[in-house]
Amino acid sequence: MAFSADILGEAVVSEAEADAYAQRYLELLNDLGRVQEEWRSLGDSDGLLDWGFAAKVNFSIKPSSVCSQMSARAFDQSISTAKERLRPLLRKAMTLGAHICFDMEHYDLKNLTLALYRSLMEEPEFRGYPHSGTVLQAYLRESETDLRDS
C-alpha cells in the first residue's frame, strides 16, 4: 500500500498565509519522517524505500500554496518567490528520502509550474534527486510535448 499526502486549500491570498502553508508542509514532513522509521520495508530496501525503489513518504504540493502572488504575468518573479519557499521543503524531502510531486493546478499556471519544477531540479543542490515529479494533465493536447520537454 502506498499513499501521497497533501494539504488541501491551496488558494492563498497573502504571504503570511503562504508562509503558514510552507510551515505546515515542513511539519507534515517532520511527522511523516518520524513515523516512517516504524514502517517495515517491503522487499530489498535500505529502510527509506519500499519495493526497492519507491519512497515510503510521498507528498504533493501545489506551488501556489506557498506563493500568494503566483501569476503567469509575473513569470520570473513568481518562480523566484516560489523557489525560495520550496527549497526548504525539497531539502527536507531529500533528508527523508521522500518523494515530492509538484501538483498541477488550473491551466493558467501550467507553464509556470513546469518551468518552476525544471528550474528547481536543475539547481546543483537538487539535480539528480530521483524522488521528484510533476503532474501533467493528460487531457490537454500539449501534454505530450510538455512531457518530452520535461
Protein backbone atom coordinates (compact mmCIF):
# COMPACT_ATOMS: atom_id res chain seq x y z
CA MET A 1 0.00 0.00 0.00
CA ALA A 2 1.28 3.46 -0.82
CA PHE A 3 -0.03 6.97 -0.33
CA SER A 4 0.61 10.59 -1.18
CA ALA A 5 -0.07 13.25 1.44
CA ASP A 6 -1.35 16.68 0.52
CA ILE A 7 -2.54 19.71 2.46
CA LEU A 8 -5.77 20.93 0.92
CA GLY A 9 -6.74 24.55 0.42
CA GLU A 10 -4.04 25.74 -1.92
CA ALA A 11 -5.53 29.16 -2.72
CA VAL A 12 -3.64 31.64 -0.54
CA VAL A 13 -4.26 35.38 -0.57
CA SER A 14 -1.33 36.71 1.49
CA GLU A 15 2.32 35.99 2.03
CA ALA A 16 1.59 35.31 5.71
CA GLU A 17 -0.82 32.57 4.65
CA ALA A 18 1.75 31.24 2.16
CA ASP A 19 4.36 31.13 4.93
CA ALA A 20 1.89 29.22 7.10
CA TYR A 21 1.34 26.64 4.34
CA ALA A 22 5.09 26.17 3.89
CA GLN A 23 5.42 25.67 7.65
CA ARG A 24 2.55 23.16 7.66
CA TYR A 25 4.32 21.17 4.93
CA LEU A 26 7.55 21.14 6.95
CA GLU A 27 5.61 19.92 9.99
CA LEU A 28 3.94 17.23 7.88
CA LEU A 29 7.33 16.06 6.61
CA ASN A 30 8.77 16.04 10.13
CA ASP A 31 5.83 13.95 11.36
CA LEU A 32 6.00 11.51 8.44
CA GLY A 33 9.77 11.27 8.82
CA ARG A 34 9.38 10.20 12.43
CA VAL A 35 6.70 7.59 11.81
CA GLN A 36 8.29 6.11 8.69
CA GLU A 37 11.03 4.70 10.89
CA GLU A 38 8.43 2.31 12.32
CA TRP A 39 7.18 1.13 8.91
CA ARG A 40 8.51 -2.19 7.76
CA SER A 41 10.06 -2.06 4.30
CA LEU A 42 8.92 -4.42 1.61
CA GLY A 43 11.45 -6.36 -0.40
CA ASP A 44 15.11 -5.36 -0.58
CA SER A 45 15.42 -1.86 0.78
CA ASP A 46 17.72 0.50 2.62
CA GLY A 47 14.91 1.44 5.01
CA LEU A 48 13.63 4.57 3.25
CA LEU A 49 12.37 2.79 0.17
CA ASP A 50 9.61 0.26 -0.35
CA TRP A 51 9.76 -2.35 -3.09
CA GLY A 52 13.40 -1.35 -3.51
CA PHE A 53 12.65 1.85 -5.43
CA ALA A 54 9.60 3.80 -4.20
CA ALA A 55 9.92 6.29 -1.36
CA LYS A 56 7.87 5.44 1.72
CA VAL A 57 6.93 9.09 2.18
CA ASN A 58 5.23 10.78 -0.76
CA PHE A 59 3.75 14.23 -0.71
CA SER A 60 2.21 16.52 -3.24
CA ILE A 61 2.32 20.30 -3.19
CA LYS A 62 0.66 22.98 -5.25
CA PRO A 63 3.29 25.70 -5.72
CA SER A 64 0.70 28.47 -5.45
CA SER A 65 0.01 27.37 -1.86
CA VAL A 66 3.40 28.78 -0.88
CA CYS A 67 3.31 31.88 -3.09
CA SER A 68 0.29 34.18 -2.93
CA GLN A 69 1.23 36.22 -5.98
CA MET A 70 1.77 33.34 -8.39
CA SER A 71 0.94 34.71 -11.82
CA ALA A 72 1.94 33.96 -15.38
CA ARG A 73 2.07 37.74 -15.92
CA ALA A 74 4.88 37.96 -13.37
CA PHE A 75 6.57 34.77 -14.56
CA ASP A 76 10.14 35.30 -13.35
CA GLN A 77 9.12 36.89 -10.04
CA SER A 78 6.67 34.07 -9.36
CA ILE A 79 9.33 31.44 -9.97
CA SER A 80 11.86 33.27 -7.80
CA THR A 81 9.44 33.66 -4.88
CA ALA A 82 8.14 30.10 -5.10
CA LYS A 83 11.68 28.67 -5.26
CA GLU A 84 12.60 30.42 -2.01
CA ARG A 85 9.68 28.75 -0.25
CA LEU A 86 10.09 25.36 -1.92
CA ARG A 87 13.84 24.88 -1.37
CA PRO A 88 13.47 24.09 2.37
CA LEU A 89 10.76 21.56 1.53
CA LEU A 90 12.96 19.90 -1.07
CA ARG A 91 15.87 19.81 1.36
CA LYS A 92 13.70 18.17 4.00
CA ALA A 93 12.31 15.70 1.45
CA MET A 94 15.86 14.76 0.48
CA THR A 95 16.90 14.11 4.09
CA LEU A 96 13.90 11.77 4.45
CA GLY A 97 14.24 10.15 1.04
CA ALA A 98 10.68 11.38 0.39
CA HIS A 99 9.06 11.82 -3.00
CA ILE A 100 7.82 15.33 -3.75
CA CYS A 101 5.31 15.95 -6.52
CA PHE A 102 4.54 19.40 -7.88
CA ASP A 103 0.82 19.20 -8.39
CA MET A 104 -0.69 20.86 -11.42
CA GLU A 105 -3.34 23.45 -10.90
CA HIS A 106 -5.53 25.42 -13.20
CA TYR A 107 -4.43 25.91 -16.77
CA ASP A 108 -3.22 29.49 -16.26
CA LEU A 109 -0.37 28.21 -14.06
CA LYS A 110 0.59 25.15 -16.11
CA ASN A 111 3.65 26.59 -17.85
CA LEU A 112 4.72 28.40 -14.70
CA THR A 113 4.53 25.19 -12.66
CA LEU A 114 6.51 23.22 -15.24
CA ALA A 115 9.17 25.94 -15.50
CA LEU A 116 9.39 26.15 -11.71
CA TYR A 117 9.88 22.39 -11.38
CA ARG A 118 12.54 22.30 -14.11
CA SER A 119 14.35 25.31 -12.68
CA LEU A 120 14.49 23.91 -9.15
CA MET A 121 15.57 20.45 -10.22
CA GLU A 122 18.36 21.91 -12.37
CA GLU A 123 19.95 23.58 -9.35
CA PRO A 124 23.14 21.74 -8.30
CA GLU A 125 21.74 21.03 -4.84
CA PHE A 126 18.73 19.15 -6.23
CA ARG A 127 20.00 17.86 -9.58
CA GLY A 128 19.84 14.10 -9.75
CA TYR A 129 17.46 13.66 -6.82
CA PRO A 130 15.43 10.67 -8.01
CA HIS A 131 12.27 11.18 -5.96
CA SER A 132 10.55 14.14 -7.53
CA GLY A 133 7.99 14.73 -10.22
CA THR A 134 5.31 16.96 -11.57
CA VAL A 135 1.77 16.35 -12.69
CA LEU A 136 0.73 16.66 -16.31
CA GLN A 137 -2.92 16.85 -17.25
CA ALA A 138 -3.35 14.03 -19.76
CA TYR A 139 -6.44 15.57 -21.33
CA LEU A 140 -4.52 18.63 -22.59
CA ARG A 141 -3.34 18.44 -26.17
CA GLU A 142 0.10 19.83 -25.32
CA SER A 143 0.80 17.33 -22.51
CA GLU A 144 2.79 15.04 -24.80
CA THR A 145 5.04 17.97 -25.77
CA ASP A 146 5.30 19.06 -22.13
CA LEU A 147 6.35 15.53 -21.19
CA ARG A 148 9.07 15.47 -23.84
CA ASP A 149 10.32 18.87 -22.69
CA SER A 150 10.44 17.87 -19.01
